[in-house]
């Protein structure tokens, strides 16, 4: 059975560290602690006094003064790893944790999970090819030498960088090393730890290189593990659930996140708020329990992105591009069918093609598979279509040799509607007002990744009002936008009412408009 040696990097809260170590060791696992040398000596002595006699707890032989972005964090980790490797010869796995981490599964679950697949769990993406680094320095982390802490000695950090850059003093990554990057929260097998430690002892050139890189805790283990372990034995993921905001700050979990955390496909989570006492107590007690069933829905990251996006004032639902495209044309007509149920809009489009000669293009700004003629590459990707929206639509007029065009849009694309309606073109908007059952909304949530097949019903019940309110919000924005002409085709309206709307919207004969309105499957899900 798997036995885990937890590598615990800490710098505060001695009582919390003592409780965490005792909890983790109580189920037959081990803990190796590095306590920051910058912390109060009395705090470290308190930890030593409480845990020093525990045979399942070890301490790093050397303590480092750790600083964000420095090699000291890696050095501290290696010291704790060496202590665990020497002290616990029957440990099968080494799991990196911080004092802000709490278990979201039982020890029994964690052991069974690790026993199922003999692999390492570590985020390890190609440093140069991936987009793991969102902003700031990228290759500058490596090719320049960083001797100072960016946060505590900012002037020296950037002065040193500017001087090296001005003098052209750069260096290369060691020839046989492929740089990788990822989260520092990993779980590695004993054989991998042995190989990593041997690498550290036999490759002083690589160690010298990493000591002056910036933020090496995101690159050192991620690179070395890939170097010493076959790709087939690595799972590029972490077993610790963590999320970041758009601004690169870690998301903090509170008491009401308990059920969400347990339903994710992870063993631990960080960061837990210091004020979330009830959550800490419940998760702490969970680790020692047995035979607990965990339905995994794994919607946490996508749900956070969805909810935080809707809550941000001024949020736009599509990329914002400031361009000066020329007009679509003063004498042209652009008719926009706007509907959340894409299949309903497509049925209207299908009938329009059959009963009129107006060109119709379905969700061209949403579906890459939407058929478009070759327009010189401008139509090749969704990003290009959005960026060159006016040019694209103007070329569609020219391609179809028509001054009238119908396009389908999602209600979230309010910026497209505003852009087109603000042009010299004669524009009209047809909003198709559909009814949304709970079953449809649940299916929608699963299609967009907000829920899975095994998402607990209570999570879905809490989610549905938010999704329904979001759909109402999209419709309200269209009504408040003061577009020149907005008509509504309603699922609840009569055939006569809808036929009148269709005739007015598309300039159809009353017979053709009524034929579309009478389509029996028009609103069927």
Protein backbone atom coordinates (compact mmCIF):
# COMPACT_ATOMS: atom_id res chain seq x y z
CA UNK A 1 0.00 0.00 0.00
CA UNK A 2 1.15 3.54 -0.71
CA UNK A 3 2.81 5.39 2.18
CA UNK A 4 3.21 9.10 1.65
CA UNK A 5 6.01 11.33 2.94
CA UNK A 6 4.57 14.85 2.90
CA UNK A 7 7.08 17.60 2.21
CA UNK A 8 5.77 20.51 4.24
CA UNK A 9 7.11 24.01 3.50
CA UNK A 10 5.96 26.44 6.20
CA UNK A 11 6.74 29.87 7.60
CA UNK A 12 3.99 30.72 10.12
CA UNK A 13 1.18 29.40 12.32
CA UNK A 14 3.03 26.84 14.51
CA UNK A 15 -0.22 25.53 16.01
CA UNK A 16 -1.62 24.87 12.53
CA UNK A 17 1.58 23.10 11.46
CA UNK A 18 1.54 20.89 14.53
CA UNK A 19 -2.10 19.94 13.91
CA UNK A 20 -1.46 19.33 10.22
CA UNK A 21 1.57 17.10 10.85
CA UNK A 22 -0.19 15.09 13.54
CA UNK A 23 -3.23 14.63 11.30
CA UNK A 24 -1.22 13.46 8.29
CA UNK A 25 0.94 11.12 10.37
CA UNK A 26 -2.03 9.61 12.21
CA UNK A 27 -2.95 7.42 9.21
CA UNK A 28 0.47 5.81 8.82
CA UNK A 29 2.04 8.46 6.59
CA UNK A 30 5.03 10.69 7.24
CA UNK A 31 5.84 14.40 7.35
CA UNK A 32 9.11 16.23 6.67
CA UNK A 33 9.06 19.91 7.71
CA UNK A 34 11.07 22.90 6.57
CA UNK A 35 10.23 25.94 8.70
CA UNK A 36 11.48 29.22 7.25
CA UNK A 37 14.60 30.52 9.01
CA UNK A 38 13.14 34.04 8.82
CA UNK A 39 10.35 33.03 11.20
CA UNK A 40 10.44 33.58 14.96
CA UNK A 41 12.80 31.13 16.74
CA UNK A 42 10.17 30.61 19.43
CA UNK A 43 7.70 29.36 16.81
CA UNK A 44 10.16 26.76 15.55
CA UNK A 45 10.96 25.63 19.06
CA UNK A 46 7.24 25.16 19.72
CA UNK A 47 7.00 22.92 16.65
CA UNK A 48 10.10 20.92 17.63
CA UNK A 49 8.80 20.47 21.16
CA UNK A 50 5.46 19.13 19.97
CA UNK A 51 6.70 16.92 17.13
CA UNK A 52 10.33 16.15 17.88
CA UNK A 53 9.56 12.76 19.48
CA UNK A 54 7.14 11.67 16.77
CA UNK A 55 8.86 8.96 14.70
CA UNK A 56 6.71 9.84 11.68
CA UNK A 57 7.95 13.44 11.58
CA UNK A 58 11.35 14.63 10.34
CA UNK A 59 12.89 18.07 10.03
CA UNK A 60 15.10 19.56 7.33
CA UNK A 61 18.69 19.47 8.56
CA UNK A 62 19.34 22.99 7.29
CA UNK A 63 16.82 25.82 7.34
CA UNK A 64 16.86 28.53 4.68
CA UNK A 65 15.63 32.10 4.70
CA UNK A 66 13.14 31.78 1.89
CA UNK A 67 12.10 34.52 -0.50
CA UNK A 68 9.53 34.50 -3.27
CA UNK A 69 11.07 33.89 -6.69
CA UNK A 70 14.41 32.78 -5.20
CA UNK A 71 16.39 29.56 -5.33
CA UNK A 72 15.97 29.39 -1.54
CA UNK A 73 12.51 27.84 -2.00
CA UNK A 74 13.96 25.00 -4.06
CA UNK A 75 16.86 24.58 -1.65
CA UNK A 76 14.42 24.33 1.26
CA UNK A 77 12.35 21.76 -0.61
CA UNK A 78 15.43 19.66 -1.39
CA UNK A 79 16.49 19.72 2.27
CA UNK A 80 13.07 18.50 3.38
CA UNK A 81 13.09 15.86 0.63
CA UNK A 82 16.53 14.57 1.69
CA UNK A 83 15.37 14.36 5.30
CA UNK A 84 12.24 12.41 4.30
CA UNK A 85 14.18 10.11 1.97
CA UNK A 86 16.69 9.22 4.71
CA UNK A 87 14.21 9.00 7.61
CA UNK A 88 11.37 7.06 5.99
CA UNK A 89 12.75 4.18 3.88
CA UNK A 90 9.30 2.65 3.36
CA UNK A 91 7.73 5.86 1.97
CA UNK A 92 6.54 5.12 -1.56
CA UNK A 93 5.49 8.66 -2.54
CA UNK A 94 6.63 12.19 -1.71
CA UNK A 95 3.91 14.84 -1.76
CA UNK A 96 4.69 18.58 -1.71
CA UNK A 97 2.40 20.67 0.54
CA UNK A 98 2.27 24.06 2.21
CA UNK A 99 0.71 25.15 5.47
CA UNK A 100 -2.26 26.51 3.48
CA UNK A 101 -3.20 23.07 2.11
CA UNK A 102 -5.95 20.85 3.49
CA UNK A 103 -7.10 17.34 2.46
CA UNK A 104 -10.27 17.06 0.38
CA UNK A 105 -10.29 13.27 0.43
CA UNK A 106 -9.57 10.58 3.01
CA UNK A 107 -6.15 9.00 3.47
CA UNK A 108 -7.72 5.74 2.32
CA UNK A 109 -8.80 7.41 -0.94
CA UNK A 110 -5.35 8.94 -1.44
CA UNK A 111 -3.56 5.62 -0.90
CA UNK A 112 -5.89 3.75 -3.24
CA UNK A 113 -5.53 6.48 -5.87
CA UNK A 114 -1.74 6.29 -5.82
CA UNK A 115 -1.74 2.48 -5.82
CA UNK A 116 -3.83 2.34 -9.00
CA UNK A 117 -1.25 3.86 -11.33
CA UNK A 118 2.55 3.80 -10.81
CA UNK A 119 3.22 7.31 -12.14
CA UNK A 120 4.38 10.75 -11.03
CA UNK A 121 2.00 13.70 -10.77
CA UNK A 122 3.60 17.00 -11.66
CA UNK A 123 2.64 19.88 -13.93
CA UNK A 124 5.39 19.91 -16.55
CA UNK A 125 4.75 21.98 -19.68
CA UNK A 126 7.25 23.07 -22.31
CA UNK A 127 8.65 26.37 -21.05
CA UNK A 128 8.86 28.05 -24.43
CA UNK A 129 5.95 26.47 -26.33
CA UNK A 130 3.26 26.63 -23.64
CA UNK A 131 1.32 29.68 -22.47
CA UNK A 132 1.73 28.84 -18.78
CA UNK A 133 3.36 32.23 -18.18
CA UNK A 134 0.63 34.79 -18.84
CA UNK A 135 2.49 38.06 -18.30
CA UNK A 136 5.93 39.42 -17.47
CA UNK A 137 9.34 37.84 -17.94
CA UNK A 138 9.55 34.58 -19.86
CA UNK A 139 12.92 33.69 -21.40
CA UNK A 140 14.36 36.53 -19.28
CA UNK A 141 13.86 34.24 -16.29
CA UNK A 142 16.56 31.98 -17.72
CA UNK A 143 19.01 33.80 -19.97
CA UNK A 144 19.87 36.49 -17.39
CA UNK A 145 21.27 35.88 -13.92
CA UNK A 146 19.06 36.98 -11.04
CA UNK A 147 20.97 37.63 -7.82
CA UNK A 148 18.45 39.77 -5.93
CA UNK A 149 14.92 39.32 -4.62
CA UNK A 150 12.47 41.16 -6.86
CA UNK A 151 10.09 41.98 -4.01
CA UNK A 152 12.47 43.03 -1.23
CA UNK A 153 15.31 44.51 -3.35
CA UNK A 154 13.40 45.69 -6.37
CA UNK A 155 15.83 48.44 -7.44
CA UNK A 156 18.82 46.08 -7.41
CA UNK A 157 16.84 43.34 -9.17
CA UNK A 158 15.91 45.54 -12.14
CA UNK A 159 19.21 47.45 -12.16
CA UNK A 160 21.09 44.15 -12.45
CA UNK A 161 18.73 42.99 -15.18
CA UNK A 162 19.01 46.23 -17.17
CA UNK A 163 22.80 46.18 -16.92
CA UNK A 164 23.07 42.60 -18.20
CA UNK A 165 20.65 43.41 -21.00
CA UNK A 166 22.55 46.56 -22.03
CA UNK A 167 25.89 44.73 -22.08
CA UNK A 168 24.45 41.69 -23.86
CA UNK A 169 25.42 39.34 -21.03
CA UNK A 170 23.23 36.30 -21.57
CA UNK A 171 23.57 32.56 -21.18
CA UNK A 172 22.04 29.43 -22.65
CA UNK A 173 20.10 26.61 -21.06
CA UNK A 174 22.38 23.55 -20.60
CA UNK A 175 22.45 21.70 -23.93
CA UNK A 176 20.83 18.43 -22.82
CA UNK A 177 18.10 20.06 -20.74
CA UNK A 178 14.58 20.77 -21.99
CA UNK A 179 13.11 23.52 -19.83
CA UNK A 180 9.69 22.78 -18.39
CA UNK A 181 7.35 24.79 -16.18
CA UNK A 182 4.36 24.18 -13.92
CA UNK A 183 2.95 24.29 -10.43
CA UNK A 184 5.26 23.46 -7.52
CA UNK A 185 2.68 21.16 -5.89
CA UNK A 186 3.73 17.68 -7.02
CA UNK A 187 3.55 14.06 -5.91
CA UNK A 188 6.52 11.88 -6.94
CA UNK A 189 7.38 8.22 -6.47
CA UNK A 190 10.35 7.16 -4.37
CA UNK A 191 12.30 5.99 -7.41
CA UNK A 192 11.82 9.42 -9.00
CA UNK A 193 13.00 11.21 -5.85
CA UNK A 194 16.07 8.97 -5.82
CA UNK A 195 16.82 9.89 -9.45
CA UNK A 196 16.27 13.61 -8.77
CA UNK A 197 18.67 13.58 -5.80
CA UNK A 198 21.26 11.70 -7.82
CA UNK A 199 20.88 14.28 -10.60
CA UNK A 200 21.47 17.08 -8.07
CA UNK A 201 24.66 15.40 -6.89
CA UNK A 202 26.07 14.66 -10.36
CA UNK A 203 25.09 17.75 -12.36
CA UNK A 204 26.65 20.79 -10.68
CA UNK A 205 26.40 22.69 -13.98
CA UNK A 206 22.61 22.46 -13.97
CA UNK A 207 22.44 23.32 -10.28
CA UNK A 208 24.55 26.44 -10.87
CA UNK A 209 22.25 27.43 -13.73
CA UNK A 210 19.04 27.11 -11.71
CA UNK A 211 20.44 28.94 -8.66
CA UNK A 212 20.33 32.25 -10.57
CA UNK A 213 17.12 31.73 -12.53
CA UNK A 214 14.00 33.61 -11.49
CA UNK A 215 11.12 31.72 -9.82
CA UNK A 216 12.92 28.34 -10.04
CA UNK A 217 10.27 26.59 -7.92
CA UNK A 218 8.13 26.64 -11.11
CA UNK A 219 10.88 25.13 -13.28
CA UNK A 220 13.43 23.06 -11.33
CA UNK A 221 11.52 19.89 -10.38
CA UNK A 222 9.34 20.23 -13.48
CA UNK A 223 12.47 20.12 -15.69
CA UNK A 224 14.52 17.56 -13.78
CA UNK A 225 11.66 15.06 -13.43
CA UNK A 226 11.10 15.14 -17.21
CA UNK A 227 14.84 14.57 -17.64
CA UNK A 228 15.05 11.47 -15.43
CA UNK A 229 11.60 9.88 -15.93
CA UNK A 230 9.99 8.58 -19.13
CA UNK A 231 7.05 10.65 -20.39
CA UNK A 232 4.70 7.66 -20.18
CA UNK A 233 5.24 7.60 -16.38
CA UNK A 234 4.30 11.24 -15.86
CA UNK A 235 0.82 12.70 -15.50
CA UNK A 236 1.02 16.42 -16.26
CA UNK A 237 -1.27 17.54 -13.49
CA UNK A 238 -1.20 18.27 -9.80
CA UNK A 239 -3.20 16.43 -7.15
CA UNK A 240 -3.72 19.70 -5.26
CA UNK A 241 -6.72 21.76 -6.31
CA UNK A 242 -5.83 25.41 -6.75
CA UNK A 243 -7.16 28.19 -8.96
CA UNK A 244 -5.99 31.66 -9.90
CA UNK A 245 -7.89 34.84 -10.69
CA UNK A 246 -7.41 36.80 -13.90
CA UNK A 247 -4.83 38.84 -12.01
CA UNK A 248 -2.66 35.86 -11.10
CA UNK A 249 -3.73 35.73 -7.45
CA UNK A 250 -4.62 32.39 -5.85
CA UNK A 251 -8.30 31.83 -5.14
CA UNK A 252 -9.06 31.46 -1.43
CA UNK A 253 -11.62 28.93 -0.20
CA UNK A 254 -14.12 29.55 2.59
CA UNK A 255 -16.61 27.60 4.70
CA UNK A 256 -19.26 27.38 1.98
CA UNK A 257 -16.83 25.73 -0.47
CA UNK A 258 -16.82 22.39 1.37
CA UNK A 259 -19.02 20.41 -1.03
CA UNK A 260 -17.35 21.91 -4.08
CA UNK A 261 -13.89 20.91 -2.86
CA UNK A 262 -14.90 17.32 -2.12
CA UNK A 263 -16.37 16.87 -5.61
CA UNK A 264 -13.14 17.78 -7.44
CA UNK A 265 -10.71 15.17 -8.78
CA UNK A 266 -7.97 16.19 -6.35
CA UNK A 267 -6.64 14.99 -3.01
CA UNK A 268 -5.74 18.34 -1.40
CA UNK A 269 -6.71 21.99 -1.92
CA UNK A 270 -5.07 25.36 -1.34
CA UNK A 271 -5.45 28.09 -0.22
CA UNK A 272 -7.86 27.72 2.70
CA UNK A 273 -8.75 31.00 4.38
CA UNK A 274 -7.45 31.35 7.96
CA UNK A 275 -10.96 32.50 8.89
CA UNK A 276 -12.60 29.35 7.45
CA UNK A 277 -12.53 27.55 10.78
CA UNK A 278 -15.51 25.33 10.07
CA UNK A 279 -14.07 24.27 6.69
CA UNK A 280 -10.70 23.49 8.26
CA UNK A 281 -12.32 21.44 11.00
CA UNK A 282 -14.45 19.42 8.55
CA UNK A 283 -11.57 18.78 6.13
CA UNK A 284 -9.22 17.95 8.98
CA UNK A 285 -11.59 15.32 10.34
CA UNK A 286 -12.13 13.92 6.84
CA UNK A 287 -8.53 12.69 6.39
CA UNK A 288 -8.86 9.91 8.97
CA UNK A 289 -12.30 8.66 7.94
CA UNK A 290 -12.84 5.40 6.04
CA UNK A 291 -15.16 4.09 3.32
CA UNK A 292 -16.31 7.56 2.25
CA UNK A 293 -17.77 7.78 -1.26
CA UNK A 294 -16.74 10.83 -3.31
CA UNK A 295 -18.88 11.59 -6.40
CA UNK A 296 -16.46 13.43 -8.69
CA UNK A 297 -17.96 16.18 -10.86
CA UNK A 298 -14.80 18.27 -11.35
CA UNK A 299 -16.60 21.45 -12.42
CA UNK A 300 -14.72 23.73 -10.00
CA UNK A 301 -12.43 25.60 -12.37
CA UNK A 302 -15.01 26.17 -15.11
CA UNK A 303 -17.68 27.14 -12.56
CA UNK A 304 -15.37 29.70 -10.95
CA UNK A 305 -14.56 31.21 -14.34
CA UNK A 306 -18.25 31.40 -15.21
CA UNK A 307 -19.40 32.97 -11.94
CA UNK A 308 -16.51 35.41 -11.56
CA UNK A 309 -16.96 36.52 -15.16
CA UNK A 310 -20.64 37.29 -14.67
CA UNK A 311 -19.90 39.19 -11.50
CA UNK A 312 -17.30 41.53 -12.99
CA UNK A 313 -18.64 44.98 -13.89
CA UNK A 314 -18.01 46.01 -17.44
CA UNK A 315 -17.28 42.48 -18.60
CA UNK A 316 -17.54 41.91 -22.34
CA UNK A 317 -18.61 38.54 -23.69
CA UNK A 318 -16.17 38.47 -26.58
CA UNK A 319 -12.72 39.86 -27.33
CA UNK A 320 -12.61 43.63 -27.59
CA UNK A 321 -10.93 44.89 -30.73
CA UNK A 322 -10.50 48.58 -31.55
CA UNK A 323 -10.45 48.76 -35.29
CA UNK A 324 -11.41 51.24 -37.98
CA UNK A 325 -12.94 48.93 -40.55
CA UNK A 326 -14.75 50.72 -43.37
CA UNK A 327 -18.55 50.75 -43.48
CA UNK A 328 -20.58 47.73 -44.55
CA UNK A 329 -22.50 50.05 -46.85
CA UNK A 330 -25.27 52.60 -46.44
CA UNK A 331 -27.71 50.83 -48.78
CA UNK A 332 -27.21 47.32 -47.44
CA UNK A 333 -29.41 45.38 -45.02
CA UNK A 334 -28.04 43.24 -42.19
CA UNK A 335 -30.58 41.05 -40.39
CA UNK A 336 -29.33 39.44 -37.16
CA UNK A 337 -31.09 36.37 -35.72
CA UNK A 338 -30.23 36.24 -32.02
CA UNK A 339 -31.00 33.05 -30.11
CA UNK A 340 -29.44 31.11 -27.24
CA UNK A 341 -30.86 27.85 -28.58
CA UNK A 342 -28.75 27.65 -31.69
CA UNK A 343 -30.77 24.81 -33.18
CA UNK A 344 -33.91 27.00 -33.19
CA UNK A 345 -32.14 29.82 -35.05
CA UNK A 346 -30.74 27.29 -37.53
CA UNK A 347 -34.25 25.99 -38.24
CA UNK A 348 -35.43 29.51 -39.02
CA UNK A 349 -32.36 29.95 -41.23
CA UNK A 350 -33.12 26.70 -43.02
CA UNK A 351 -36.67 27.82 -43.80
CA UNK A 352 -35.43 31.24 -44.98
CA UNK A 353 -33.11 29.60 -47.49
CA UNK A 354 -35.99 27.53 -48.77
CA UNK A 355 -38.57 30.32 -49.03
CA UNK A 356 -36.47 33.36 -49.96
CA UNK A 357 -33.37 34.30 -51.87
CA UNK A 358 -31.65 36.16 -49.01
CA UNK A 359 -28.19 34.68 -48.12
CA UNK A 360 -28.08 33.22 -44.60
CA UNK A 361 -24.93 32.46 -42.57
CA UNK A 362 -25.32 30.61 -39.28
CA UNK A 363 -23.20 31.12 -36.16
CA UNK A 364 -20.06 32.28 -37.99
CA UNK A 365 -18.61 34.04 -34.93
CA UNK A 366 -19.16 31.02 -32.67
CA UNK A 367 -18.69 27.85 -34.71
CA UNK A 368 -15.43 27.28 -36.52
CA UNK A 369 -17.16 24.53 -38.52
CA UNK A 370 -19.65 27.02 -39.97
CA UNK A 371 -19.30 26.86 -43.76
CA UNK A 372 -17.81 30.00 -45.28
CA UNK A 373 -16.31 30.54 -48.73
CA UNK A 374 -12.57 31.04 -49.09
CA UNK A 375 -12.13 34.75 -48.44
CA UNK A 376 -8.35 34.83 -48.47
CA UNK A 377 -7.85 33.40 -44.97
CA UNK A 378 -9.87 35.98 -43.05
CA UNK A 379 -12.48 33.27 -42.40
CA UNK A 380 -10.02 30.61 -41.21
CA UNK A 381 -10.36 31.01 -37.43
CA UNK A 382 -12.91 32.37 -34.97
CA UNK A 383 -10.34 34.86 -33.72
CA UNK A 384 -9.76 36.28 -37.20
CA UNK A 385 -13.49 36.48 -37.89
CA UNK A 386 -14.05 38.49 -34.72
CA UNK A 387 -11.03 40.70 -35.23
CA UNK A 388 -12.01 41.57 -38.81
CA UNK A 389 -15.75 41.34 -38.35
CA UNK A 390 -16.75 44.21 -40.63
CA UNK A 391 -14.35 43.20 -43.37
CA UNK A 392 -15.64 39.63 -43.19
CA UNK A 393 -19.32 40.62 -43.45
CA UNK A 394 -18.57 43.08 -46.24
CA UNK A 395 -16.85 40.29 -48.20
CA UNK A 396 -19.87 38.03 -47.65
CA UNK A 397 -22.10 40.66 -49.28
CA UNK A 398 -19.71 40.76 -52.22
CA UNK A 399 -19.39 36.97 -52.45
CA UNK A 400 -23.17 36.49 -52.51
CA UNK A 401 -23.65 39.46 -54.86
CA UNK A 402 -26.42 40.67 -52.61
CA UNK A 403 -27.14 43.77 -50.57
CA UNK A 404 -29.11 41.72 -48.03
CA UNK A 405 -27.61 39.28 -45.52
CA UNK A 406 -28.86 37.27 -42.54
CA UNK A 407 -26.45 36.10 -39.81
CA UNK A 408 -27.05 34.18 -36.58
CA UNK A 409 -25.57 35.46 -33.32
CA UNK A 410 -25.48 34.26 -29.72
CA UNK A 411 -27.14 36.70 -27.28
CA UNK A 412 -23.80 37.07 -25.49
CA UNK A 413 -22.34 38.75 -28.58
CA UNK A 414 -23.73 42.16 -27.67
CA UNK A 415 -20.53 43.85 -28.90
CA UNK A 416 -21.09 42.47 -32.40
CA UNK A 417 -24.69 43.69 -32.43
CA UNK A 418 -23.61 47.13 -31.22
CA UNK A 419 -20.81 47.32 -33.77
CA UNK A 420 -22.99 46.33 -36.72
CA UNK A 421 -25.95 48.47 -35.61
CA UNK A 422 -23.67 51.47 -35.25
CA UNK A 423 -22.61 51.18 -38.89
CA UNK A 424 -24.27 52.90 -41.83
CA UNK A 425 -25.89 49.61 -42.80
CA UNK A 426 -29.64 49.18 -42.29
CA UNK A 427 -29.73 46.72 -39.38
CA UNK A 428 -32.48 44.75 -37.70
CA UNK A 429 -32.34 42.35 -34.76
CA UNK A 430 -34.67 39.37 -34.35
CA UNK A 431 -34.47 38.02 -30.81
CA UNK A 432 -35.95 34.53 -30.57
CA UNK A 433 -37.45 34.22 -27.09
CA UNK A 434 -37.32 30.53 -26.08
CA UNK A 435 -38.47 28.83 -22.92
CA UNK A 436 -35.75 27.14 -20.83
CA UNK A 437 -36.68 24.10 -18.78
CA UNK A 438 -34.49 22.90 -15.93
CA UNK A 439 -33.53 19.86 -18.00
CA UNK A 440 -32.37 22.09 -20.84
CA UNK A 441 -30.33 24.29 -18.48
CA UNK A 442 -28.70 21.22 -16.91
CA UNK A 443 -27.78 19.99 -20.38
CA UNK A 444 -26.42 23.45 -21.22
CA UNK A 445 -24.32 23.44 -18.03
CA UNK A 446 -22.85 20.06 -18.97
CA UNK A 447 -22.16 21.13 -22.56
CA UNK A 448 -20.17 24.17 -21.44
CA UNK A 449 -18.33 22.37 -18.63
CA UNK A 450 -20.12 23.87 -15.64
CA UNK A 451 -21.32 20.44 -14.53
CA UNK A 452 -20.57 16.79 -15.19
CA UNK A 453 -22.64 13.64 -15.31
CA UNK A 454 -21.92 13.00 -11.64
CA UNK A 455 -22.32 16.56 -10.33
CA UNK A 456 -24.42 16.29 -7.14
CA UNK A 457 -28.01 17.46 -7.51
CA UNK A 458 -27.60 20.02 -4.73
CA UNK A 459 -24.77 21.68 -6.68
CA UNK A 460 -26.95 21.77 -9.80
CA UNK A 461 -29.86 23.20 -7.81
CA UNK A 462 -27.65 26.07 -6.62
CA UNK A 463 -26.31 26.63 -10.11
CA UNK A 464 -29.61 26.79 -12.04
CA UNK A 465 -30.81 30.17 -10.72
CA UNK A 466 -27.46 31.73 -11.69
CA UNK A 467 -27.61 30.34 -15.23
CA UNK A 468 -31.24 31.38 -15.65
CA UNK A 469 -30.44 34.89 -14.39
CA UNK A 470 -27.53 35.08 -16.79
CA UNK A 471 -29.81 34.31 -19.73
CA UNK A 472 -32.24 37.01 -18.58
CA UNK A 473 -29.35 39.43 -18.26
CA UNK A 474 -28.31 38.81 -21.88
CA UNK A 475 -31.85 39.47 -23.08
CA UNK A 476 -32.14 42.63 -20.96
CA UNK A 477 -28.94 43.99 -22.44
CA UNK A 478 -30.38 43.62 -25.94
CA UNK A 479 -33.55 45.46 -24.89
CA UNK A 480 -31.54 48.23 -23.24
CA UNK A 481 -29.16 48.72 -26.17
CA UNK A 482 -31.53 50.95 -28.17
CA UNK A 483 -30.95 49.16 -31.45
CA UNK A 484 -32.82 50.77 -34.38
CA UNK A 485 -35.14 47.79 -34.91
CA UNK A 486 -35.61 44.89 -32.47
CA UNK A 487 -38.34 42.33 -33.10
CA UNK A 488 -39.15 39.25 -31.03
CA UNK A 489 -40.21 35.78 -32.11
CA UNK A 490 -41.72 34.12 -29.03
CA UNK A 491 -42.20 30.44 -28.33
CA UNK A 492 -45.29 31.39 -26.31
CA UNK A 493 -46.83 33.55 -29.08
CA UNK A 494 -49.46 32.49 -31.59
CA UNK A 495 -48.69 31.54 -35.17
CA UNK A 496 -50.32 34.77 -36.40
CA UNK A 497 -48.20 36.90 -34.09
CA UNK A 498 -44.95 35.17 -35.09
CA UNK A 499 -45.85 35.26 -38.80
CA UNK A 500 -46.30 39.02 -38.57
CA UNK A 501 -42.89 39.40 -36.93
CA UNK A 502 -41.17 37.23 -39.57
CA UNK A 503 -42.77 39.14 -42.45
CA UNK A 504 -41.66 42.46 -40.99
CA UNK A 505 -38.16 41.22 -40.17
CA UNK A 506 -37.25 39.61 -43.49
CA UNK A 507 -39.67 41.27 -45.94
CA UNK A 508 -41.45 37.97 -46.59
CA UNK A 509 -44.87 37.47 -48.07
CA UNK A 510 -47.55 36.68 -45.53
CA UNK A 511 -47.79 33.14 -46.89
CA UNK A 512 -44.04 32.47 -46.57
CA UNK A 513 -43.89 34.02 -43.11
CA UNK A 514 -46.83 31.92 -41.94
CA UNK A 515 -45.26 28.74 -43.33
CA UNK A 516 -42.15 29.33 -41.22
CA UNK A 517 -44.23 30.21 -38.12
CA UNK A 518 -46.25 26.99 -38.55
CA UNK A 519 -43.12 24.77 -38.62
CA UNK A 520 -44.16 22.26 -35.97
CA UNK A 521 -40.67 21.43 -34.75
CA UNK A 522 -39.35 25.01 -34.72
CA UNK A 523 -38.97 25.30 -30.91
CA UNK A 524 -38.58 21.61 -30.08
CA UNK A 525 -35.43 20.79 -28.06
